[in-house]
Amino acid sequence: MESPLTTLITDSKRYLKCYHHYLKHSTNQQTMQEFTNNLLPDIMTKTVNGKSNLNVIGVGSGSDLVSQTQGLDYIRFNWNKMTAEEFEEQWKEKKRTDKADLIHMFQVLYYVKDLGATISFFQSLLNKNGQLLITLSAGNIGVVKMRNAYKNQLGTTEVNRSTGDIRRFLDSKGVSYQSYDLPTQIDITKCFIEGDKEGEMMIDFLTQVLDFSKTASPELKAGVMEFLRCPEFSVESNGKVLMNANYELIVLEQLP
C-alpha cells in the first residue's frame, strides 16, 4: 500500500529551506571542515604523490559553493548541470577515455536510481592510484533506522540511503574499501515545540515528508517523535535534545 504522504523532494523550494535549517542546527559544516583539514590530506597522500596536476571530478560540488571558496583562482573548472546518470550517459556517448585522480561524491547518492551501477561507473574512471570518496549518512544512526522502521507509512523507501547500502553492495562484489567515521550531531529541540516553524522544517527533512506535522496521522507523528528522542540515538542535556547524525566516508581505489 502506497503512503498517502508526499515526499519532500517533490517541492524543491521547500526542500532547500528544510535543508538550510537542518544545517543551521547541525555540526555538519564543522565536521566537513575538520575532515578537510585533518583527515583528507592523509587519505590523498598516495594520490597526489609526485603529481603537479590533478584531474578531479566533483559530483554535486555546486558552482555557488566553489564561488564562495577563496584561493581557487588557479584551478580550471568545467561545469556540468546534470544528474549522475546523465553524466554517465554523456560520458559513454562521447566515448571518453580520460581518467580522474580524485572523484568526490559528498552527500549526493541518496537519490540515484541504481546505487551500485553509479558507484561502479565512477570507480571505473579512476586513474592509477586514484581515489573515489563517498560520504553518506551512517547506517546505524537514528534517522536512518527511523525511516526504515516507518518506510511504508513515510514512503521513504527510495530515499533512505546510507553507507550500509554501499557496504552491502561492495561486500557482495568483493570490492575492498576503507571507511572513516565523521561524528556529527543535530540539535532537534525545536522539533518538539508544537507549531515551531523551524522545528517543522527540520522534521520535514528528517522524515523526507512534505509538511509532515500537518499531514501525518497522530499515531505516526507520535511514533516518529518517540523514535527520534530514543536514548539510543539522542541525548538530552541543558534543555536540548541532541541527536546522533553521523556520516561515514567510504574510500575506493582503482579496480585491479
C-alpha atoms as a PDB file:
ATOM      1  CA  MET A   1       0.000   0.000   0.000  1.00  0.00           C
ATOM      2  CA  GLU A   2       1.428   3.374  -1.039  1.00  0.00           C
ATOM      3  CA  SER A   3       1.880   6.087   1.545  1.00  0.00           C
ATOM      4  CA  PRO A   4      -0.669   8.949   1.343  1.00  0.00           C
ATOM      5  CA  LEU A   5       2.122  11.347   2.328  1.00  0.00           C
ATOM      6  CA  THR A   6       4.074  13.416  -0.198  1.00  0.00           C
ATOM      7  CA  THR A   7       7.849  13.066  -0.467  1.00  0.00           C
ATOM      8  CA  LEU A   8       9.721  16.299   0.339  1.00  0.00           C
ATOM      9  CA  ILE A   9      11.826  16.180  -2.824  1.00  0.00           C
ATOM     10  CA  THR A  10       8.721  16.954  -4.915  1.00  0.00           C
ATOM     11  CA  ASP A  11       8.917  20.560  -3.657  1.00  0.00           C
ATOM     12  CA  SER A  12      12.449  21.793  -4.386  1.00  0.00           C
ATOM     13  CA  LYS A  13      11.986  25.190  -2.700  1.00  0.00           C
ATOM     14  CA  ARG A  14      10.681  23.645   0.491  1.00  0.00           C
ATOM     15  CA  TYR A  15      13.428  21.023   0.359  1.00  0.00           C
ATOM     16  CA  LEU A  16      16.163  23.669   0.227  1.00  0.00           C
ATOM     17  CA  LYS A  17      14.613  25.616   3.107  1.00  0.00           C
ATOM     18  CA  CYS A  18      14.370  22.472   5.217  1.00  0.00           C
ATOM     19  CA  TYR A  19      17.946  21.512   4.375  1.00  0.00           C
ATOM     20  CA  HIS A  20      19.119  25.005   5.341  1.00  0.00           C
ATOM     21  CA  HIS A  21      17.537  24.667   8.793  1.00  0.00           C
ATOM     22  CA  TYR A  22      18.966  21.166   9.155  1.00  0.00           C
ATOM     23  CA  LEU A  23      22.456  22.535   8.507  1.00  0.00           C
ATOM     24  CA  LYS A  24      21.855  25.518  10.790  1.00  0.00           C
ATOM     25  CA  HIS A  25      21.186  23.238  13.755  1.00  0.00           C
ATOM     26  CA  SER A  26      23.771  20.553  12.981  1.00  0.00           C
ATOM     27  CA  THR A  27      27.547  20.296  13.237  1.00  0.00           C
ATOM     28  CA  ASN A  28      27.703  19.176   9.597  1.00  0.00           C
ATOM     29  CA  GLN A  29      29.817  22.054   8.330  1.00  0.00           C
ATOM     30  CA  GLN A  30      32.204  21.812  11.291  1.00  0.00           C
ATOM     31  CA  THR A  31      32.543  18.070  10.673  1.00  0.00           C
ATOM     32  CA  MET A  32      33.360  18.558   6.995  1.00  0.00           C
ATOM     33  CA  GLN A  33      35.853  21.330   7.810  1.00  0.00           C
ATOM     34  CA  GLU A  34      37.655  19.092  10.279  1.00  0.00           C
ATOM     35  CA  PHE A  35      37.627  16.286   7.721  1.00  0.00           C
ATOM     36  CA  THR A  36      39.128  18.569   5.059  1.00  0.00           C
ATOM     37  CA  ASN A  37      41.833  19.914   7.369  1.00  0.00           C
ATOM     38  CA  ASN A  38      42.784  16.805   9.325  1.00  0.00           C
ATOM     39  CA  LEU A  39      41.802  13.616   7.530  1.00  0.00           C
ATOM     40  CA  LEU A  40      41.736  14.356   3.815  1.00  0.00           C
ATOM     41  CA  PRO A  41      45.444  15.236   3.413  1.00  0.00           C
ATOM     42  CA  ASP A  42      46.495  11.838   4.803  1.00  0.00           C
ATOM     43  CA  ILE A  43      43.965   9.965   2.663  1.00  0.00           C
ATOM     44  CA  MET A  44      45.168  11.679  -0.503  1.00  0.00           C
ATOM     45  CA  THR A  45      48.910  11.190   0.072  1.00  0.00           C
ATOM     46  CA  LYS A  46      49.217   8.349  -2.438  1.00  0.00           C
ATOM     47  CA  THR A  47      47.015  10.134  -4.977  1.00  0.00           C
ATOM     48  CA  VAL A  48      48.979  13.393  -5.074  1.00  0.00           C
ATOM     49  CA  ASN A  49      52.466  11.918  -4.632  1.00  0.00           C
ATOM     50  CA  GLY A  50      54.751  13.121  -7.436  1.00  0.00           C
ATOM     51  CA  LYS A  51      51.995  14.862  -9.416  1.00  0.00           C
ATOM     52  CA  SER A  52      51.978  18.514 -10.398  1.00  0.00           C
ATOM     53  CA  ASN A  53      48.438  18.392 -11.809  1.00  0.00           C
ATOM     54  CA  LEU A  54      45.341  16.537 -10.669  1.00  0.00           C
ATOM     55  CA  ASN A  55      42.203  15.736 -12.637  1.00  0.00           C
ATOM     56  CA  VAL A  56      39.287  15.946 -10.193  1.00  0.00           C
ATOM     57  CA  ILE A  57      35.613  15.146 -10.710  1.00  0.00           C
ATOM     58  CA  GLY A  58      33.288  16.616  -8.100  1.00  0.00           C
ATOM     59  CA  VAL A  59      29.770  15.199  -8.210  1.00  0.00           C
ATOM     60  CA  GLY A  60      27.384  17.615  -6.533  1.00  0.00           C
ATOM     61  CA  SER A  61      30.041  20.256  -5.820  1.00  0.00           C
ATOM     62  CA  GLY A  62      27.888  23.197  -6.864  1.00  0.00           C
ATOM     63  CA  SER A  63      29.176  26.363  -8.538  1.00  0.00           C
ATOM     64  CA  ASP A  64      27.792  28.532  -5.702  1.00  0.00           C
ATOM     65  CA  LEU A  65      29.900  26.706  -3.119  1.00  0.00           C
ATOM     66  CA  VAL A  66      33.046  26.955  -5.225  1.00  0.00           C
ATOM     67  CA  SER A  67      32.465  30.647  -5.978  1.00  0.00           C
ATOM     68  CA  GLN A  68      32.443  31.337  -2.222  1.00  0.00           C
ATOM     69  CA  THR A  69      35.712  29.483  -1.621  1.00  0.00           C
ATOM     70  CA  GLN A  70      38.897  31.530  -1.700  1.00  0.00           C
ATOM     71  CA  GLY A  71      42.205  30.508  -3.278  1.00  0.00           C
ATOM     72  CA  LEU A  72      40.819  28.598  -6.264  1.00  0.00           C
ATOM     73  CA  ASP A  73      41.750  31.096  -8.991  1.00  0.00           C
ATOM     74  CA  TYR A  74      44.452  28.808 -10.395  1.00  0.00           C
ATOM     75  CA  ILE A  75      42.038  25.904 -10.886  1.00  0.00           C
ATOM     76  CA  ARG A  76      40.181  25.402 -14.175  1.00  0.00           C
ATOM     77  CA  PHE A  77      36.574  24.237 -13.838  1.00  0.00           C
ATOM     78  CA  ASN A  78      34.246  22.630 -16.365  1.00  0.00           C
ATOM     79  CA  TRP A  79      30.667  22.699 -15.086  1.00  0.00           C
ATOM     80  CA  ASN A  80      28.016  20.137 -15.966  1.00  0.00           C
ATOM     81  CA  LYS A  81      24.467  20.708 -14.713  1.00  0.00           C
ATOM     82  CA  MET A  82      23.032  17.202 -14.871  1.00  0.00           C
ATOM     83  CA  THR A  83      22.282  14.145 -12.809  1.00  0.00           C
ATOM     84  CA  ALA A  84      24.882  11.450 -12.156  1.00  0.00           C
ATOM     85  CA  GLU A  85      23.016   9.177 -14.575  1.00  0.00           C
ATOM     86  CA  GLU A  86      23.025  11.864 -17.288  1.00  0.00           C
ATOM     87  CA  PHE A  87      26.740  12.434 -16.755  1.00  0.00           C
ATOM     88  CA  GLU A  88      27.420   8.722 -17.213  1.00  0.00           C
ATOM     89  CA  GLU A  89      25.264   8.589 -20.360  1.00  0.00           C
ATOM     90  CA  GLN A  90      27.043  11.595 -21.870  1.00  0.00           C
ATOM     91  CA  TRP A  91      30.464  10.199 -20.954  1.00  0.00           C
ATOM     92  CA  LYS A  92      29.724   6.929 -22.720  1.00  0.00           C
ATOM     93  CA  GLU A  93      28.150   8.603 -25.755  1.00  0.00           C
ATOM     94  CA  LYS A  94      31.317  10.672 -26.274  1.00  0.00           C
ATOM     95  CA  LYS A  95      33.440   7.535 -25.717  1.00  0.00           C
ATOM     96  CA  ARG A  96      35.708   9.409 -23.344  1.00  0.00           C
ATOM     97  CA  THR A  97      38.758   7.552 -22.118  1.00  0.00           C
ATOM     98  CA  ASP A  98      40.363  10.158 -19.820  1.00  0.00           C
ATOM     99  CA  LYS A  99      40.740   9.253 -16.163  1.00  0.00           C
ATOM    100  CA  ALA A 100      40.431  11.088 -12.852  1.00  0.00           C
ATOM    101  CA  ASP A 101      42.881  11.202  -9.952  1.00  0.00           C
ATOM    102  CA  LEU A 102      40.186  12.072  -7.452  1.00  0.00           C
ATOM    103  CA  ILE A 103      36.399  11.785  -7.564  1.00  0.00           C
ATOM    104  CA  HIS A 104      34.343  13.021  -4.627  1.00  0.00           C
ATOM    105  CA  MET A 105      30.653  12.366  -4.110  1.00  0.00           C
ATOM    106  CA  PHE A 106      29.727  14.092  -0.868  1.00  0.00           C
ATOM    107  CA  GLN A 107      26.088  13.587   0.167  1.00  0.00           C
ATOM    108  CA  VAL A 108      24.822  13.012  -3.388  1.00  0.00           C
ATOM    109  CA  LEU A 109      23.952   9.305  -3.644  1.00  0.00           C
ATOM    110  CA  TYR A 110      20.633   9.454  -1.806  1.00  0.00           C
ATOM    111  CA  TYR A 111      18.549   9.788  -4.951  1.00  0.00           C
ATOM    112  CA  VAL A 112      20.367   7.973  -7.761  1.00  0.00           C
ATOM    113  CA  LYS A 113      18.283   5.272  -9.418  1.00  0.00           C
ATOM    114  CA  ASP A 114      20.865   2.480  -9.275  1.00  0.00           C
ATOM    115  CA  LEU A 115      23.321   2.912  -6.407  1.00  0.00           C
ATOM    116  CA  GLY A 116      25.606   0.026  -7.356  1.00  0.00           C
ATOM    117  CA  ALA A 117      25.801   0.914 -11.053  1.00  0.00           C
ATOM    118  CA  THR A 118      26.591   4.551 -10.235  1.00  0.00           C
ATOM    119  CA  ILE A 119      29.402   3.621  -7.860  1.00  0.00           C
ATOM    120  CA  SER A 120      30.857   1.107 -10.339  1.00  0.00           C
ATOM    121  CA  PHE A 121      30.828   3.641 -13.173  1.00  0.00           C
ATOM    122  CA  PHE A 122      32.648   6.359 -11.269  1.00  0.00           C
ATOM    123  CA  GLN A 123      35.149   3.889  -9.839  1.00  0.00           C
ATOM    124  CA  SER A 124      35.931   2.824 -13.427  1.00  0.00           C
ATOM    125  CA  LEU A 125      37.022   6.409 -14.172  1.00  0.00           C
ATOM    126  CA  LEU A 126      39.871   6.350 -11.649  1.00  0.00           C
ATOM    127  CA  ASN A 127      43.469   6.734 -12.753  1.00  0.00           C
ATOM    128  CA  LYS A 128      46.267   4.664 -11.248  1.00  0.00           C
ATOM    129  CA  ASN A 129      46.403   5.491  -7.506  1.00  0.00           C
ATOM    130  CA  GLY A 130      43.175   7.437  -7.972  1.00  0.00           C
ATOM    131  CA  GLN A 131      40.529   7.536  -5.249  1.00  0.00           C
ATOM    132  CA  LEU A 132      36.749   7.758  -5.105  1.00  0.00           C
ATOM    133  CA  LEU A 133      35.498   9.432  -1.915  1.00  0.00           C
ATOM    134  CA  ILE A 134      31.851   8.970  -0.917  1.00  0.00           C
ATOM    135  CA  THR A 135      30.080  10.372   2.130  1.00  0.00           C
ATOM    136  CA  LEU A 136      26.582   9.419   3.191  1.00  0.00           C
ATOM    137  CA  SER A 137      24.642   9.077   6.430  1.00  0.00           C
ATOM    138  CA  ALA A 138      25.998   6.244   8.555  1.00  0.00           C
ATOM    139  CA  GLY A 139      23.770   3.180   8.537  1.00  0.00           C
ATOM    140  CA  ASN A 140      23.379   2.965  12.329  1.00  0.00           C
ATOM    141  CA  ILE A 141      22.055   6.457  13.134  1.00  0.00           C
ATOM    142  CA  GLY A 142      18.560   7.236  14.391  1.00  0.00           C
ATOM    143  CA  VAL A 143      17.264   8.958  11.255  1.00  0.00           C
ATOM    144  CA  VAL A 144      18.131   6.004   9.034  1.00  0.00           C
ATOM    145  CA  LYS A 145      16.636   3.495  11.469  1.00  0.00           C
ATOM    146  CA  MET A 146      13.507   5.642  11.895  1.00  0.00           C
ATOM    147  CA  ARG A 147      12.948   5.847   8.138  1.00  0.00           C
ATOM    148  CA  ASN A 148      13.429   2.099   7.867  1.00  0.00           C
ATOM    149  CA  ALA A 149      11.018   1.427  10.721  1.00  0.00           C
ATOM    150  CA  TYR A 150       8.305   3.629   9.179  1.00  0.00           C
ATOM    151  CA  LYS A 151       9.230   3.357   5.490  1.00  0.00           C
ATOM    152  CA  ASN A 152       5.776   2.165   4.398  1.00  0.00           C
ATOM    153  CA  GLN A 153       3.982   4.982   6.209  1.00  0.00           C
ATOM    154  CA  LEU A 154       6.522   7.654   5.200  1.00  0.00           C
ATOM    155  CA  GLY A 155       7.029   6.472   1.626  1.00  0.00           C
ATOM    156  CA  THR A 156      10.799   6.926   2.019  1.00  0.00           C
ATOM    157  CA  THR A 157      11.888   3.554   0.648  1.00  0.00           C
ATOM    158  CA  GLU A 158      13.800   5.061  -2.286  1.00  0.00           C
ATOM    159  CA  VAL A 159      15.449   7.965  -0.435  1.00  0.00           C
ATOM    160  CA  ASN A 160      16.613   6.272   2.747  1.00  0.00           C
ATOM    161  CA  ARG A 161      20.138   5.555   1.573  1.00  0.00           C
ATOM    162  CA  SER A 162      23.067   5.117   3.919  1.00  0.00           C
ATOM    163  CA  THR A 163      26.601   3.787   3.894  1.00  0.00           C
ATOM    164  CA  GLY A 164      25.078   0.495   4.992  1.00  0.00           C
ATOM    165  CA  ASP A 165      23.688   0.132   1.459  1.00  0.00           C
ATOM    166  CA  ILE A 166      27.099   0.941  -0.030  1.00  0.00           C
ATOM    167  CA  ARG A 167      28.845  -1.553   2.219  1.00  0.00           C
ATOM    168  CA  ARG A 168      26.409  -4.318   1.284  1.00  0.00           C
ATOM    169  CA  PHE A 169      26.922  -3.659  -2.424  1.00  0.00           C
ATOM    170  CA  LEU A 170      30.723  -3.533  -2.205  1.00  0.00           C
ATOM    171  CA  ASP A 171      30.891  -6.625   0.004  1.00  0.00           C
ATOM    172  CA  SER A 172      28.681  -8.551  -2.438  1.00  0.00           C
ATOM    173  CA  LYS A 173      31.105  -7.712  -5.259  1.00  0.00           C
ATOM    174  CA  GLY A 174      34.212  -8.410  -3.186  1.00  0.00           C
ATOM    175  CA  VAL A 175      35.404  -4.819  -3.638  1.00  0.00           C
ATOM    176  CA  SER A 176      37.835  -3.590  -0.975  1.00  0.00           C
ATOM    177  CA  TYR A 177      37.374  -0.186   0.622  1.00  0.00           C
ATOM    178  CA  GLN A 178      38.320   1.922   3.617  1.00  0.00           C
ATOM    179  CA  SER A 179      35.857   3.651   5.902  1.00  0.00           C
ATOM    180  CA  TYR A 180      36.100   6.568   8.303  1.00  0.00           C
ATOM    181  CA  ASP A 181      33.563   7.844  10.854  1.00  0.00           C
ATOM    182  CA  LEU A 182      32.605  11.526  10.667  1.00  0.00           C
ATOM    183  CA  PRO A 183      30.908  12.339  14.020  1.00  0.00           C
ATOM    184  CA  THR A 184      28.013  14.787  13.660  1.00  0.00           C
ATOM    185  CA  GLN A 185      25.170  15.994  15.884  1.00  0.00           C
ATOM    186  CA  ILE A 186      21.956  17.878  15.241  1.00  0.00           C
ATOM    187  CA  ASP A 187      20.009  19.890  17.792  1.00  0.00           C
ATOM    188  CA  ILE A 188      16.410  18.722  17.311  1.00  0.00           C
ATOM    189  CA  THR A 189      14.984  20.532  20.347  1.00  0.00           C
ATOM    190  CA  LYS A 190      12.691  22.723  18.228  1.00  0.00           C
ATOM    191  CA  CYS A 191      11.174  19.629  16.627  1.00  0.00           C
ATOM    192  CA  PHE A 192       9.400  19.004  19.933  1.00  0.00           C
ATOM    193  CA  ILE A 193       7.945  22.519  20.222  1.00  0.00           C
ATOM    194  CA  GLU A 194       4.399  22.484  18.857  1.00  0.00           C
ATOM    195  CA  GLY A 195       3.973  24.976  15.987  1.00  0.00           C
ATOM    196  CA  ASP A 196       7.656  25.955  15.777  1.00  0.00           C
ATOM    197  CA  LYS A 197       8.311  26.685  12.077  1.00  0.00           C
ATOM    198  CA  GLU A 198      11.992  25.769  12.148  1.00  0.00           C
ATOM    199  CA  GLY A 199      11.196  22.586  14.013  1.00  0.00           C
ATOM    200  CA  GLU A 200       8.556  21.653  11.451  1.00  0.00           C
ATOM    201  CA  MET A 201      11.002  22.157   8.608  1.00  0.00           C
ATOM    202  CA  MET A 202      13.631  20.042  10.325  1.00  0.00           C
ATOM    203  CA  ILE A 203      11.062  17.294  10.840  1.00  0.00           C
ATOM    204  CA  ASP A 204      10.235  17.502   7.124  1.00  0.00           C
ATOM    205  CA  PHE A 205      13.892  16.974   6.310  1.00  0.00           C
ATOM    206  CA  LEU A 206      14.398  14.180   8.818  1.00  0.00           C
ATOM    207  CA  THR A 207      11.336  12.282   7.614  1.00  0.00           C
ATOM    208  CA  GLN A 208      11.695  13.395   3.963  1.00  0.00           C
ATOM    209  CA  VAL A 209       7.952  14.108   4.009  1.00  0.00           C
ATOM    210  CA  LEU A 210       6.395  17.380   2.844  1.00  0.00           C
ATOM    211  CA  ASP A 211       4.525  19.126   5.691  1.00  0.00           C
ATOM    212  CA  PHE A 212       4.878  16.092   7.931  1.00  0.00           C
ATOM    213  CA  SER A 213       3.496  17.869  11.011  1.00  0.00           C
ATOM    214  CA  LYS A 214       0.295  18.787   9.146  1.00  0.00           C
ATOM    215  CA  THR A 215      -0.297  15.651   7.078  1.00  0.00           C
ATOM    216  CA  ALA A 216       0.899  12.687   9.153  1.00  0.00           C
ATOM    217  CA  SER A 217      -1.518  10.832  11.392  1.00  0.00           C
ATOM    218  CA  PRO A 218      -1.282  11.448  15.161  1.00  0.00           C
ATOM    219  CA  GLU A 219      -0.087   7.869  15.619  1.00  0.00           C
ATOM    220  CA  LEU A 220       2.697   8.227  13.056  1.00  0.00           C
ATOM    221  CA  LYS A 221       3.819  11.574  14.481  1.00  0.00           C
ATOM    222  CA  ALA A 222       3.945  10.165  17.990  1.00  0.00           C
ATOM    223  CA  GLY A 223       5.924   7.127  16.843  1.00  0.00           C
ATOM    224  CA  VAL A 224       8.461   9.186  14.856  1.00  0.00           C
ATOM    225  CA  MET A 225       8.994  11.708  17.652  1.00  0.00           C
ATOM    226  CA  GLU A 226       9.440   8.960  20.229  1.00  0.00           C
ATOM    227  CA  PHE A 227      11.943   7.250  17.933  1.00  0.00           C
ATOM    228  CA  LEU A 228      13.996  10.435  17.458  1.00  0.00           C
ATOM    229  CA  ARG A 229      14.115  11.046  21.207  1.00  0.00           C
ATOM    230  CA  CYS A 230      15.139   7.464  21.992  1.00  0.00           C
ATOM    231  CA  PRO A 231      18.250   7.377  24.264  1.00  0.00           C
ATOM    232  CA  GLU A 232      19.871   5.005  21.777  1.00  0.00           C
ATOM    233  CA  PHE A 233      20.130   7.859  19.262  1.00  0.00           C
ATOM    234  CA  SER A 234      19.781  11.104  21.231  1.00  0.00           C
ATOM    235  CA  VAL A 235      20.966  12.689  24.449  1.00  0.00           C
ATOM    236  CA  GLU A 236      19.220  15.407  26.467  1.00  0.00           C
ATOM    237  CA  SER A 237      21.486  17.995  28.009  1.00  0.00           C
ATOM    238  CA  ASN A 238      20.856  21.516  29.339  1.00  0.00           C
ATOM    239  CA  GLY A 239      17.345  21.530  27.937  1.00  0.00           C
ATOM    240  CA  LYS A 240      18.434  20.449  24.472  1.00  0.00           C
ATOM    241  CA  VAL A 241      17.834  17.246  22.540  1.00  0.00           C
ATOM    242  CA  LEU A 242      20.962  16.357  20.558  1.00  0.00           C
ATOM    243  CA  MET A 243      20.682  13.541  18.034  1.00  0.00           C
ATOM    244  CA  ASN A 244      23.453  11.445  16.522  1.00  0.00           C
ATOM    245  CA  ALA A 245      23.623  12.329  12.818  1.00  0.00           C
ATOM    246  CA  ASN A 246      26.983  10.780  11.972  1.00  0.00           C
ATOM    247  CA  TYR A 247      28.249  10.460   8.429  1.00  0.00           C
ATOM    248  CA  GLU A 248      30.669   7.904   7.099  1.00  0.00           C
ATOM    249  CA  LEU A 249      33.358   8.254   4.447  1.00  0.00           C
ATOM    250  CA  ILE A 250      33.924   5.357   2.066  1.00  0.00           C
ATOM    251  CA  VAL A 251      37.168   5.414   0.075  1.00  0.00           C
ATOM    252  CA  LEU A 252      37.579   3.295  -3.072  1.00  0.00           C
ATOM    253  CA  GLU A 253      40.625   2.925  -5.278  1.00  0.00           C
ATOM    254  CA  GLN A 254      41.073   1.925  -8.898  1.00  0.00           C
ATOM    255  CA  LEU A 255      39.789  -1.564  -9.640  1.00  0.00           C
ATOM    256  CA  PRO A 256      42.605  -4.083 -10.254  1.00  0.00           C
END
